[in-house]
């Protein structure tokens, strides 16, 4: 049977996840998606910006050993940028 989270083939019968780890990640991901207010948007960005965001994504994945989507990285960077911009505008 194929794992519902990672897609690996599992020999266990009646199992939807290949391991406890996949079950945990899938549950956490569902909770994260259900608890937040996501809006789907289409954005065109510069190639250099995209490469920089991919580099950030890569380092986050290497340092945390978790799957991190490109959308999560964009949300993280935009969130931090907005905080910095608000602080700069308060000082003007």
Protein backbone atom coordinates (compact mmCIF):
# COMPACT_ATOMS: atom_id res chain seq x y z
CA UNK A 1 0.00 0.00 0.00
CA UNK A 2 1.20 3.56 -0.70
CA UNK A 3 1.86 5.91 2.24
CA UNK A 4 -0.65 8.76 2.26
CA UNK A 5 2.05 11.28 3.30
CA UNK A 6 5.32 10.41 1.55
CA UNK A 7 4.14 7.99 -1.15
CA UNK A 8 6.47 5.12 -0.15
CA UNK A 9 5.23 1.62 -0.77
CA UNK A 10 4.52 -0.13 2.53
CA UNK A 11 4.05 -3.86 2.99
CA UNK A 12 1.77 -3.38 6.01
CA UNK A 13 -1.86 -4.22 5.35
CA UNK A 14 -4.56 -1.69 6.19
CA UNK A 15 -1.98 1.06 6.91
CA UNK A 16 -2.32 4.51 5.37
CA UNK A 17 1.10 5.71 6.62
CA UNK A 18 4.43 3.89 6.27
CA UNK A 19 5.62 5.01 9.73
CA UNK A 20 4.66 6.87 12.88
CA UNK A 21 6.80 9.78 11.63
CA UNK A 22 4.68 10.19 8.48
CA UNK A 23 1.50 9.95 10.53
CA UNK A 24 2.77 12.71 12.85
CA UNK A 25 3.88 14.99 10.00
CA UNK A 26 0.59 14.52 8.18
CA UNK A 27 -1.41 15.31 11.34
CA UNK A 28 0.70 18.40 12.10
CA UNK A 29 0.35 19.63 8.53
CA UNK A 30 -3.42 19.21 8.59
CA UNK A 31 -3.66 21.06 11.91
CA UNK A 32 -1.50 23.88 10.56
CA UNK A 33 -3.64 24.21 7.44
CA UNK A 34 -6.93 24.11 9.36
CA UNK A 35 -5.87 26.61 12.04
CA UNK A 36 -4.63 29.34 9.74
CA UNK A 37 -6.25 31.71 7.32
CA UNK A 38 -4.64 30.86 3.98
CA UNK A 39 -5.36 32.78 0.80
CA UNK A 40 -4.28 31.41 -2.55
CA UNK A 41 -2.49 34.00 -4.72
CA UNK A 42 -0.50 33.89 -7.92
CA UNK A 43 2.67 35.97 -7.86
CA UNK A 44 5.31 36.67 -10.48
CA UNK A 45 8.75 37.26 -9.00
CA UNK A 46 12.25 38.00 -10.15
CA UNK A 47 14.45 34.96 -10.77
CA UNK A 48 17.08 36.15 -8.28
CA UNK A 49 14.47 36.52 -5.56
CA UNK A 50 13.18 33.04 -6.28
CA UNK A 51 16.72 31.61 -6.06
CA UNK A 52 17.28 33.41 -2.75
CA UNK A 53 14.03 32.05 -1.33
CA UNK A 54 14.94 28.54 -2.51
CA UNK A 55 18.32 28.89 -0.76
CA UNK A 56 16.54 29.88 2.46
CA UNK A 57 14.19 26.92 2.03
CA UNK A 58 17.16 24.60 1.53
CA UNK A 59 18.95 25.78 4.66
CA UNK A 60 15.76 25.51 6.72
CA UNK A 61 15.23 21.94 5.53
CA UNK A 62 18.84 21.00 6.29
CA UNK A 63 18.77 22.59 9.77
CA UNK A 64 15.36 21.31 10.88
CA UNK A 65 15.12 17.91 9.11
CA UNK A 66 11.48 18.69 8.27
CA UNK A 67 9.70 19.29 5.02
CA UNK A 68 9.25 23.01 4.44
CA UNK A 69 7.25 24.26 1.49
CA UNK A 70 8.14 27.23 -0.68
CA UNK A 71 4.92 28.90 0.50
CA UNK A 72 6.03 28.59 4.13
CA UNK A 73 9.33 30.29 3.27
CA UNK A 74 7.58 33.10 1.40
CA UNK A 75 5.19 33.63 4.34
CA UNK A 76 8.10 33.65 6.79
CA UNK A 77 10.17 36.15 4.79
CA UNK A 78 7.22 38.43 4.04
CA UNK A 79 6.11 38.36 7.68
CA UNK A 80 9.57 39.38 8.91
CA UNK A 81 9.83 42.03 6.19
CA UNK A 82 6.50 43.54 7.18
CA UNK A 83 7.59 43.74 10.84
CA UNK A 84 10.80 45.52 9.86
CA UNK A 85 8.96 47.90 7.53
CA UNK A 86 6.43 48.79 10.25
CA UNK A 87 9.27 49.61 12.69
CA UNK A 88 10.98 51.78 10.08
CA UNK A 89 7.76 53.66 9.33
CA UNK A 90 7.13 54.29 13.06
CA UNK A 91 10.51 56.03 13.26
CA UNK A 92 9.65 58.49 10.46
